[in-house]
PDB file of N, CA and C in Angstrom:
ATOM      1  N   MET A   1     -48.888  -8.888  30.346  1.00  0.00           N
ATOM      2  CA  MET A   1     -50.638  -8.410  30.426  1.00  0.00           C
ATOM      3  C   MET A   1     -49.876  -6.917  31.131  1.00  0.00           C
ATOM      4  N   VAL A   2     -49.483  -5.649  30.847  1.00  0.00           N
ATOM      5  CA  VAL A   2     -49.981  -4.494  31.608  1.00  0.00           C
ATOM      6  C   VAL A   2     -51.361  -3.603  31.416  1.00  0.00           C
ATOM      7  N   ARG A   3     -51.803  -3.239  33.019  1.00  0.00           N
ATOM      8  CA  ARG A   3     -52.915  -2.231  32.765  1.00  0.00           C
ATOM      9  C   ARG A   3     -52.363  -1.047  32.892  1.00  0.00           C
ATOM     10  N   VAL A   4     -52.531  -0.096  31.475  1.00  0.00           N
ATOM     11  CA  VAL A   4     -51.868   1.744  31.288  1.00  0.00           C
ATOM     12  C   VAL A   4     -52.910   2.848  31.507  1.00  0.00           C
ATOM     13  N   LYS A   5     -53.322   3.886  32.411  1.00  0.00           N
ATOM     14  CA  LYS A   5     -53.696   4.692  32.156  1.00  0.00           C
ATOM     15  C   LYS A   5     -52.122   6.101  31.408  1.00  0.00           C
ATOM     16  N   LYS A   6     -53.424   6.932  31.110  1.00  0.00           N
ATOM     17  CA  LYS A   6     -52.553   7.959  30.428  1.00  0.00           C
ATOM     18  C   LYS A   6     -53.412   9.011  31.738  1.00  0.00           C
ATOM     19  N   GLY A   7     -52.497  10.390  30.900  1.00  0.00           N
ATOM     20  CA  GLY A   7     -53.151  11.462  30.864  1.00  0.00           C
ATOM     21  C   GLY A   7     -53.364  11.724  32.732  1.00  0.00           C
ATOM     22  N   PHE A   8     -54.065  12.484  33.388  1.00  0.00           N
ATOM     23  CA  PHE A   8     -53.769  13.310  34.801  1.00  0.00           C
ATOM     24  C   PHE A   8     -55.515  12.381  35.325  1.00  0.00           C
ATOM     25  N   ASN A   9     -56.299  12.364  34.793  1.00  0.00           N
ATOM     26  CA  ASN A   9     -57.547  12.130  35.053  1.00  0.00           C
ATOM     27  C   ASN A   9     -56.946  10.476  36.103  1.00  0.00           C
ATOM     28  N   ALA A  10     -58.201  10.726  37.329  1.00  0.00           N
ATOM     29  CA  ALA A  10     -57.157   9.947  38.356  1.00  0.00           C
ATOM     30  C   ALA A  10     -58.701   8.742  38.481  1.00  0.00           C
ATOM     31  N   GLY A  11     -60.046   8.911  37.902  1.00  0.00           N
ATOM     32  CA  GLY A  11     -61.221   8.484  37.635  1.00  0.00           C
ATOM     33  C   GLY A  11     -61.578   7.824  35.930  1.00  0.00           C
ATOM     34  N   ILE A  12     -60.316   7.191  34.988  1.00  0.00           N
ATOM     35  CA  ILE A  12     -60.170   6.717  34.262  1.00  0.00           C
ATOM     36  C   ILE A  12     -59.848   5.419  34.794  1.00  0.00           C
ATOM     37  N   GLU A  13     -60.163   4.593  34.047  1.00  0.00           N
ATOM     38  CA  GLU A  13     -60.147   2.575  34.160  1.00  0.00           C
ATOM     39  C   GLU A  13     -58.744   2.783  32.921  1.00  0.00           C
ATOM     40  N   ALA A  14     -57.601   2.004  33.740  1.00  0.00           N
ATOM     41  CA  ALA A  14     -56.260   1.231  32.665  1.00  0.00           C
ATOM     42  C   ALA A  14     -56.652   0.072  31.894  1.00  0.00           C
ATOM     43  N   ASN A  15     -56.359   0.199  30.684  1.00  0.00           N
ATOM     44  CA  ASN A  15     -56.694  -0.010  29.610  1.00  0.00           C
ATOM     45  C   ASN A  15     -55.397  -1.717  29.724  1.00  0.00           C
ATOM     46  N   GLU A  16     -55.666  -2.237  29.152  1.00  0.00           N
ATOM     47  CA  GLU A  16     -54.999  -3.995  29.107  1.00  0.00           C
ATOM     48  C   GLU A  16     -53.795  -3.774  27.703  1.00  0.00           C
ATOM     49  N   VAL A  17     -53.336  -4.050  27.861  1.00  0.00           N
ATOM     50  CA  VAL A  17     -52.011  -4.184  26.702  1.00  0.00           C
ATOM     51  C   VAL A  17     -51.216  -4.825  26.952  1.00  0.00           C
ATOM     52  N   TYR A  18     -51.059  -6.138  25.764  1.00  0.00           N
ATOM     53  CA  TYR A  18     -50.703  -7.262  25.829  1.00  0.00           C
ATOM     54  C   TYR A  18     -49.385  -7.323  24.951  1.00  0.00           C
ATOM     55  N   PRO A  19     -48.977  -8.225  24.919  1.00  0.00           N
ATOM     56  CA  PRO A  19     -47.501  -8.790  24.388  1.00  0.00           C
ATOM     57  C   PRO A  19     -47.919  -8.920  23.178  1.00  0.00           C
ATOM     58  N   ASP A  20     -46.701  -8.664  21.978  1.00  0.00           N
ATOM     59  CA  ASP A  20     -47.020  -8.953  20.254  1.00  0.00           C
ATOM     60  C   ASP A  20     -46.481  -9.985  20.496  1.00  0.00           C
ATOM     61  N   GLU A  21     -46.324 -11.300  19.490  1.00  0.00           N
ATOM     62  CA  GLU A  21     -45.669 -12.197  18.738  1.00  0.00           C
ATOM     63  C   GLU A  21     -44.744 -12.483  18.906  1.00  0.00           C
ATOM     64  N   GLU A  22     -43.566 -11.296  19.441  1.00  0.00           N
ATOM     65  CA  GLU A  22     -42.210 -11.477  20.285  1.00  0.00           C
ATOM     66  C   GLU A  22     -42.902 -11.478  21.660  1.00  0.00           C
ATOM     67  N   GLY A  23     -42.755 -11.119  22.319  1.00  0.00           N
ATOM     68  CA  GLY A  23     -42.990 -11.313  23.640  1.00  0.00           C
ATOM     69  C   GLY A  23     -43.476  -9.126  24.057  1.00  0.00           C
ATOM     70  N   VAL A  24     -42.775  -8.558  23.236  1.00  0.00           N
ATOM     71  CA  VAL A  24     -43.096  -7.152  23.881  1.00  0.00           C
ATOM     72  C   VAL A  24     -44.109  -6.045  23.642  1.00  0.00           C
ATOM     73  N   ILE A  25     -44.272  -5.695  24.866  1.00  0.00           N
ATOM     74  CA  ILE A  25     -45.151  -4.948  24.984  1.00  0.00           C
ATOM     75  C   ILE A  25     -45.312  -2.776  24.840  1.00  0.00           C
ATOM     76  N   HIS A  26     -45.946  -3.358  23.453  1.00  0.00           N
ATOM     77  CA  HIS A  26     -45.780  -1.802  22.928  1.00  0.00           C
ATOM     78  C   HIS A  26     -47.311  -0.894  23.852  1.00  0.00           C
ATOM     79  N   ILE A  27     -46.109   0.273  24.425  1.00  0.00           N
ATOM     80  CA  ILE A  27     -47.243   1.777  24.583  1.00  0.00           C
ATOM     81  C   ILE A  27     -47.362   2.848  23.721  1.00  0.00           C
ATOM     82  N   GLU A  28     -48.059   3.523  23.117  1.00  0.00           N
ATOM     83  CA  GLU A  28     -48.470   4.603  22.707  1.00  0.00           C
ATOM     84  C   GLU A  28     -47.924   5.599  23.589  1.00  0.00           C
ATOM     85  N   ILE A  29     -47.762   6.814  23.406  1.00  0.00           N
ATOM     86  CA  ILE A  29     -47.782   8.281  23.930  1.00  0.00           C
ATOM     87  C   ILE A  29     -47.384   9.041  23.550  1.00  0.00           C
ATOM     88  N   ARG A  30     -48.457  10.283  23.860  1.00  0.00           N
ATOM     89  CA  ARG A  30     -47.812  11.222  22.719  1.00  0.00           C
ATOM     90  C   ARG A  30     -46.614  12.652  23.436  1.00  0.00           C
ATOM     91  N   GLU A  31     -45.859  13.425  23.109  1.00  0.00           N
ATOM     92  CA  GLU A  31     -45.065  14.078  23.568  1.00  0.00           C
ATOM     93  C   GLU A  31     -45.433  14.859  25.434  1.00  0.00           C
ATOM     94  N   LEU A  32     -44.878  14.928  26.287  1.00  0.00           N
ATOM     95  CA  LEU A  32     -45.410  15.374  27.621  1.00  0.00           C
ATOM     96  C   LEU A  32     -46.828  14.981  27.905  1.00  0.00           C
ATOM     97  N   GLU A  33     -46.546  13.902  27.785  1.00  0.00           N
ATOM     98  CA  GLU A  33     -48.076  12.718  28.052  1.00  0.00           C
ATOM     99  C   GLU A  33     -47.902  12.085  29.600  1.00  0.00           C
ATOM    100  N   ARG A  34     -48.328  11.661  30.205  1.00  0.00           N
ATOM    101  CA  ARG A  34     -48.362  11.744  31.772  1.00  0.00           C
ATOM    102  C   ARG A  34     -48.774   9.724  31.546  1.00  0.00           C
ATOM    103  N   VAL A  35     -47.628   8.870  32.077  1.00  0.00           N
ATOM    104  CA  VAL A  35     -48.279   7.424  31.810  1.00  0.00           C
ATOM    105  C   VAL A  35     -47.816   6.683  32.973  1.00  0.00           C
ATOM    106  N   GLU A  36     -49.042   5.696  33.460  1.00  0.00           N
ATOM    107  CA  GLU A  36     -48.886   5.186  34.264  1.00  0.00           C
ATOM    108  C   GLU A  36     -49.175   3.673  33.486  1.00  0.00           C
ATOM    109  N   ILE A  37     -47.662   2.727  34.491  1.00  0.00           N
ATOM    110  CA  ILE A  37     -48.093   0.798  33.832  1.00  0.00           C
ATOM    111  C   ILE A  37     -47.986   0.222  35.370  1.00  0.00           C
ATOM    112  N   HIS A  38     -49.520   0.095  34.808  1.00  0.00           N
ATOM    113  CA  HIS A  38     -49.705  -1.673  36.049  1.00  0.00           C
ATOM    114  C   HIS A  38     -49.135  -2.672  36.164  1.00  0.00           C
ATOM    115  N   LEU A  39     -47.928  -2.756  36.739  1.00  0.00           N
ATOM    116  CA  LEU A  39     -46.750  -4.311  36.346  1.00  0.00           C
ATOM    117  C   LEU A  39     -47.537  -4.639  36.835  1.00  0.00           C
ATOM    118  N   PRO A  40     -47.631  -7.022  36.797  1.00  0.00           N
ATOM    119  CA  PRO A  40     -47.540  -7.636  37.371  1.00  0.00           C
ATOM    120  C   PRO A  40     -47.012  -7.646  38.864  1.00  0.00           C
ATOM    121  N   PRO A  41     -48.200  -8.475  39.888  1.00  0.00           N
ATOM    122  CA  PRO A  41     -47.221  -8.985  40.883  1.00  0.00           C
ATOM    123  C   PRO A  41     -46.118  -9.490  40.286  1.00  0.00           C
ATOM    124  N   GLY A  42     -45.176 -10.077  41.479  1.00  0.00           N
ATOM    125  CA  GLY A  42     -44.015 -10.380  41.314  1.00  0.00           C
ATOM    126  C   GLY A  42     -42.995  -9.293  41.121  1.00  0.00           C
ATOM    127  N   VAL A  43     -43.312  -7.849  40.240  1.00  0.00           N
ATOM    128  CA  VAL A  43     -41.936  -7.212  38.960  1.00  0.00           C
ATOM    129  C   VAL A  43     -41.274  -6.841  40.385  1.00  0.00           C
ATOM    130  N   VAL A  44     -39.703  -7.202  40.647  1.00  0.00           N
ATOM    131  CA  VAL A  44     -38.585  -6.514  41.389  1.00  0.00           C
ATOM    132  C   VAL A  44     -37.675  -5.033  41.091  1.00  0.00           C
ATOM    133  N   ASN A  45     -37.653  -5.332  40.051  1.00  0.00           N
ATOM    134  CA  ASN A  45     -37.480  -4.015  39.250  1.00  0.00           C
ATOM    135  C   ASN A  45     -37.836  -3.777  37.676  1.00  0.00           C
ATOM    136  N   ILE A  46     -37.510  -2.461  36.957  1.00  0.00           N
ATOM    137  CA  ILE A  46     -37.773  -1.700  36.363  1.00  0.00           C
ATOM    138  C   ILE A  46     -36.872  -1.107  35.915  1.00  0.00           C
ATOM    139  N   SER A  47     -35.918  -1.325  34.589  1.00  0.00           N
ATOM    140  CA  SER A  47     -34.881  -0.521  34.059  1.00  0.00           C
ATOM    141  C   SER A  47     -34.444  -0.688  32.651  1.00  0.00           C
ATOM    142  N   PRO A  48     -33.549   0.471  32.858  1.00  0.00           N
ATOM    143  CA  PRO A  48     -33.056   1.889  33.376  1.00  0.00           C
ATOM    144  C   PRO A  48     -34.780   2.407  33.580  1.00  0.00           C
ATOM    145  N   LEU A  49     -34.624   3.298  34.632  1.00  0.00           N
ATOM    146  CA  LEU A  49     -35.680   4.975  34.117  1.00  0.00           C
ATOM    147  C   LEU A  49     -34.888   5.521  34.335  1.00  0.00           C
ATOM    148  N   PRO A  50     -35.757   6.572  33.161  1.00  0.00           N
ATOM    149  CA  PRO A  50     -35.990   7.345  32.607  1.00  0.00           C
ATOM    150  C   PRO A  50     -36.200   8.677  34.010  1.00  0.00           C
ATOM    151  N   ILE A  51     -35.366   9.916  33.549  1.00  0.00           N
ATOM    152  CA  ILE A  51     -34.910  11.278  33.906  1.00  0.00           C
ATOM    153  C   ILE A  51     -37.025  11.430  34.101  1.00  0.00           C
ATOM    154  N   GLY A  52     -37.838  11.974  35.033  1.00  0.00           N
ATOM    155  CA  GLY A  52     -39.129  12.295  34.955  1.00  0.00           C
ATOM    156  C   GLY A  52     -40.353  11.016  35.349  1.00  0.00           C
ATOM    157  N   SER A  53     -39.559   9.665  35.619  1.00  0.00           N
ATOM    158  CA  SER A  53     -40.235   8.645  36.416  1.00  0.00           C
ATOM    159  C   SER A  53     -39.878   8.106  37.556  1.00  0.00           C
ATOM    160  N   THR A  54     -40.650   7.354  38.086  1.00  0.00           N
ATOM    161  CA  THR A  54     -40.819   6.400  39.396  1.00  0.00           C
ATOM    162  C   THR A  54     -40.721   4.860  39.666  1.00  0.00           C
ATOM    163  N   PHE A  55     -41.026   4.271  40.373  1.00  0.00           N
ATOM    164  CA  PHE A  55     -41.554   2.933  40.035  1.00  0.00           C
ATOM    165  C   PHE A  55     -41.435   2.709  41.464  1.00  0.00           C
ATOM    166  N   ASP A  56     -42.624   2.256  41.507  1.00  0.00           N
ATOM    167  CA  ASP A  56     -43.190   1.837  43.432  1.00  0.00           C
ATOM    168  C   ASP A  56     -43.194   0.335  43.433  1.00  0.00           C
ATOM    169  N   PRO A  57     -42.528  -0.087  43.502  1.00  0.00           N
ATOM    170  CA  PRO A  57     -42.272  -1.414  43.909  1.00  0.00           C
ATOM    171  C   PRO A  57     -43.759  -2.723  44.974  1.00  0.00           C
ATOM    172  N   GLY A  58     -43.742  -1.503  45.860  1.00  0.00           N
ATOM    173  CA  GLY A  58     -44.860  -1.990  46.405  1.00  0.00           C
ATOM    174  C   GLY A  58     -46.372  -1.818  45.690  1.00  0.00           C
ATOM    175  N   LYS A  59     -46.730  -0.998  45.086  1.00  0.00           N
ATOM    176  CA  LYS A  59     -48.008  -0.864  44.409  1.00  0.00           C
ATOM    177  C   LYS A  59     -47.857  -1.774  43.160  1.00  0.00           C
ATOM    178  N   GLY A  60     -46.654  -1.560  42.684  1.00  0.00           N
ATOM    179  CA  GLY A  60     -46.295  -2.689  40.899  1.00  0.00           C
ATOM    180  C   GLY A  60     -46.317  -1.119  40.011  1.00  0.00           C
ATOM    181  N   ILE A  61     -46.634   0.094  40.530  1.00  0.00           N
ATOM    182  CA  ILE A  61     -47.406   0.846  39.194  1.00  0.00           C
ATOM    183  C   ILE A  61     -44.847   1.753  38.514  1.00  0.00           C
ATOM    184  N   PHE A  62     -45.412   1.949  37.653  1.00  0.00           N
ATOM    185  CA  PHE A  62     -44.197   3.177  37.255  1.00  0.00           C
ATOM    186  C   PHE A  62     -44.621   4.109  35.936  1.00  0.00           C
ATOM    187  N   TYR A  63     -44.618   5.096  36.653  1.00  0.00           N
ATOM    188  CA  TYR A  63     -44.790   6.506  37.106  1.00  0.00           C
ATOM    189  C   TYR A  63     -43.490   7.141  35.725  1.00  0.00           C
ATOM    190  N   TRP A  64     -44.551   7.923  34.413  1.00  0.00           N
ATOM    191  CA  TRP A  64     -43.296   8.835  33.842  1.00  0.00           C
ATOM    192  C   TRP A  64     -44.815   9.387  32.832  1.00  0.00           C
ATOM    193  N   GLN A  65     -43.721  11.061  33.539  1.00  0.00           N
ATOM    194  CA  GLN A  65     -44.267  12.390  32.372  1.00  0.00           C
ATOM    195  C   GLN A  65     -42.869  12.762  31.920  1.00  0.00           C
ATOM    196  N   PRO A  66     -42.370  11.955  30.646  1.00  0.00           N
ATOM    197  CA  PRO A  66     -41.245  11.948  30.182  1.00  0.00           C
ATOM    198  C   PRO A  66     -41.491  14.497  29.691  1.00  0.00           C
ATOM    199  N   GLY A  67     -40.460  14.522  29.742  1.00  0.00           N
ATOM    200  CA  GLY A  67     -39.828  15.912  29.598  1.00  0.00           C
ATOM    201  C   GLY A  67     -40.354  16.322  28.133  1.00  0.00           C
ATOM    202  N   PRO A  68     -40.011  17.736  27.497  1.00  0.00           N
ATOM    203  CA  PRO A  68     -40.307  18.274  26.493  1.00  0.00           C
ATOM    204  C   PRO A  68     -38.899  17.687  25.125  1.00  0.00           C
ATOM    205  N   GLY A  69     -38.630  17.280  24.431  1.00  0.00           N
ATOM    206  CA  GLY A  69     -37.581  16.802  23.862  1.00  0.00           C
ATOM    207  C   GLY A  69     -37.823  14.837  23.781  1.00  0.00           C
ATOM    208  N   PHE A  70     -38.255  14.520  24.959  1.00  0.00           N
ATOM    209  CA  PHE A  70     -38.692  12.848  24.907  1.00  0.00           C
ATOM    210  C   PHE A  70     -39.712  12.450  23.447  1.00  0.00           C
ATOM    211  N   VAL A  71     -38.819  11.985  22.423  1.00  0.00           N
ATOM    212  CA  VAL A  71     -39.733  11.558  21.270  1.00  0.00           C
ATOM    213  C   VAL A  71     -38.642   9.736  20.743  1.00  0.00           C
ATOM    214  N   GLY A  72     -40.124   9.610  20.187  1.00  0.00           N
ATOM    215  CA  GLY A  72     -39.512   7.918  19.897  1.00  0.00           C
ATOM    216  C   GLY A  72     -39.643   7.056  20.836  1.00  0.00           C
ATOM    217  N   ALA A  73     -38.650   5.816  20.495  1.00  0.00           N
ATOM    218  CA  ALA A  73     -38.653   4.595  21.475  1.00  0.00           C
ATOM    219  C   ALA A  73     -37.636   4.413  23.040  1.00  0.00           C
ATOM    220  N   TYR A  74     -38.554   4.141  23.142  1.00  0.00           N
ATOM    221  CA  TYR A  74     -37.780   3.691  24.835  1.00  0.00           C
ATOM    222  C   TYR A  74     -37.816   2.700  25.662  1.00  0.00           C
ATOM    223  N   ARG A  75     -37.180   1.651  25.546  1.00  0.00           N
ATOM    224  CA  ARG A  75     -37.160   0.250  25.697  1.00  0.00           C
ATOM    225  C   ARG A  75     -36.393   0.372  27.879  1.00  0.00           C
ATOM    226  N   PHE A  76     -37.801  -0.872  28.235  1.00  0.00           N
ATOM    227  CA  PHE A  76     -37.719  -0.623  29.797  1.00  0.00           C
ATOM    228  C   PHE A  76     -37.385  -2.191  29.717  1.00  0.00           C
ATOM    229  N   VAL A  77     -37.356  -2.934  30.970  1.00  0.00           N
ATOM    230  CA  VAL A  77     -36.196  -4.370  31.105  1.00  0.00           C
ATOM    231  C   VAL A  77     -37.504  -4.611  32.602  1.00  0.00           C
ATOM    232  N   LEU A  78     -38.210  -5.209  32.568  1.00  0.00           N
ATOM    233  CA  LEU A  78     -39.262  -6.321  33.690  1.00  0.00           C
ATOM    234  C   LEU A  78     -38.126  -7.565  34.346  1.00  0.00           C
ATOM    235  N   VAL A  79     -38.381  -7.411  35.192  1.00  0.00           N
ATOM    236  CA  VAL A  79     -37.935  -8.229  36.056  1.00  0.00           C
ATOM    237  C   VAL A  79     -38.647  -8.191  37.283  1.00  0.00           C
ATOM    238  N   GLU A  80     -38.818 -10.145  37.045  1.00  0.00           N
ATOM    239  CA  GLU A  80     -40.162 -10.577  37.787  1.00  0.00           C
ATOM    240  C   GLU A  80     -39.708 -12.173  38.288  1.00  0.00           C
ATOM    241  N   LYS A  81     -40.377 -11.691  39.684  1.00  0.00           N
ATOM    242  CA  LYS A  81     -40.432 -13.613  39.978  1.00  0.00           C
ATOM    243  C   LYS A  81     -41.610 -13.947  40.453  1.00  0.00           C
ATOM    244  N   ASP A  82     -41.568 -14.949  39.902  1.00  0.00           N
ATOM    245  CA  ASP A  82     -42.155 -16.047  40.588  1.00  0.00           C
ATOM    246  C   ASP A  82     -42.910 -17.134  41.585  1.00  0.00           C
ATOM    247  N   GLU A  83     -43.854 -17.508  42.013  1.00  0.00           N
ATOM    248  CA  GLU A  83     -43.995 -18.532  43.335  1.00  0.00           C
ATOM    249  C   GLU A  83     -42.706 -19.339  43.586  1.00  0.00           C
ATOM    250  N   ALA A  84     -42.242 -19.152  42.542  1.00  0.00           N
ATOM    251  CA  ALA A  84     -41.437 -20.537  42.524  1.00  0.00           C
ATOM    252  C   ALA A  84     -40.415 -20.117  42.310  1.00  0.00           C
ATOM    253  N   GLY A  85     -39.313 -18.703  42.260  1.00  0.00           N
ATOM    254  CA  GLY A  85     -38.762 -18.126  42.404  1.00  0.00           C
ATOM    255  C   GLY A  85     -38.097 -17.698  40.946  1.00  0.00           C
ATOM    256  N   GLN A  86     -38.214 -18.547  39.854  1.00  0.00           N
ATOM    257  CA  GLN A  86     -37.966 -18.513  39.036  1.00  0.00           C
ATOM    258  C   GLN A  86     -37.944 -16.820  38.564  1.00  0.00           C
ATOM    259  N   VAL A  87     -37.054 -16.123  37.796  1.00  0.00           N
ATOM    260  CA  VAL A  87     -36.889 -15.027  37.640  1.00  0.00           C
ATOM    261  C   VAL A  87     -36.987 -14.961  36.396  1.00  0.00           C
ATOM    262  N   ASN A  88     -37.973 -14.281  35.784  1.00  0.00           N
ATOM    263  CA  ASN A  88     -38.472 -14.014  33.845  1.00  0.00           C
ATOM    264  C   ASN A  88     -38.082 -11.938  33.918  1.00  0.00           C
ATOM    265  N   ARG A  89     -37.659 -12.321  32.975  1.00  0.00           N
ATOM    266  CA  ARG A  89     -37.744 -10.931  32.001  1.00  0.00           C
ATOM    267  C   ARG A  89     -38.725 -10.144  31.020  1.00  0.00           C
ATOM    268  N   GLU A  90     -38.844  -9.316  30.689  1.00  0.00           N
ATOM    269  CA  GLU A  90     -40.173  -9.047  29.952  1.00  0.00           C
ATOM    270  C   GLU A  90     -40.124  -7.606  29.076  1.00  0.00           C
ATOM    271  N   ASP A  91     -40.138  -6.894  28.284  1.00  0.00           N
ATOM    272  CA  ASP A  91     -39.761  -5.704  27.754  1.00  0.00           C
ATOM    273  C   ASP A  91     -40.773  -5.133  27.144  1.00  0.00           C
ATOM    274  N   ILE A  92     -41.095  -4.047  27.242  1.00  0.00           N
ATOM    275  CA  ILE A  92     -42.282  -2.401  27.496  1.00  0.00           C
ATOM    276  C   ILE A  92     -40.759  -1.822  26.031  1.00  0.00           C
ATOM    277  N   ILE A  93     -41.684  -1.677  25.261  1.00  0.00           N
ATOM    278  CA  ILE A  93     -41.608  -0.383  24.717  1.00  0.00           C
ATOM    279  C   ILE A  93     -41.930   1.182  24.727  1.00  0.00           C
ATOM    280  N   VAL A  94     -41.874   2.228  25.854  1.00  0.00           N
ATOM    281  CA  VAL A  94     -43.350   3.226  25.077  1.00  0.00           C
ATOM    282  C   VAL A  94     -42.367   4.025  23.754  1.00  0.00           C
ATOM    283  N   ASN A  95     -43.256   4.739  22.649  1.00  0.00           N
ATOM    284  CA  ASN A  95     -43.095   5.008  21.397  1.00  0.00           C
ATOM    285  C   ASN A  95     -44.041   6.561  22.173  1.00  0.00           C
ATOM    286  N   ILE A  96     -43.215   7.796  21.794  1.00  0.00           N
ATOM    287  CA  ILE A  96     -43.659   8.635  22.002  1.00  0.00           C
ATOM    288  C   ILE A  96     -43.345   9.747  20.514  1.00  0.00           C
ATOM    289  N   ALA A  97     -45.045   9.940  20.742  1.00  0.00           N
ATOM    290  CA  ALA A  97     -44.949  10.126  19.513  1.00  0.00           C
ATOM    291  C   ALA A  97     -44.700  12.251  19.537  1.00  0.00           C
ATOM    292  N   PRO A  98     -44.071  13.101  18.730  1.00  0.00           N
ATOM    293  CA  PRO A  98     -43.957  14.632  18.647  1.00  0.00           C
ATOM    294  C   PRO A  98     -45.380  14.830  18.673  1.00  0.00           C
ATOM    295  N   MET A  99     -45.741  16.579  19.024  1.00  0.00           N
ATOM    296  CA  MET A  99     -46.289  17.040  19.121  1.00  0.00           C
ATOM    297  C   MET A  99     -46.696  17.707  17.592  1.00  0.00           C
TER     298      MET A  99
END
């Protein structure tokens, strides 16, 4: 599960998004729309990072404001470590709809 905020309004609550039956998290945004993905504790890496994005590992937040022409599905891989030191992988697909 991740929490997702869209747009620039800092006062809005993040929505919870759960994986589908294959374990993939799907997030829908519109072209040029900013998204924050609040990741679970223990995420140590997210890749690949597209242009216009950043990952703050201290806060566990992935920020992205796709530029013009970014439409379609973009897959990201999360790498996280649990308390036992086991490394797990999760997939997130951000689908960007054209304006």
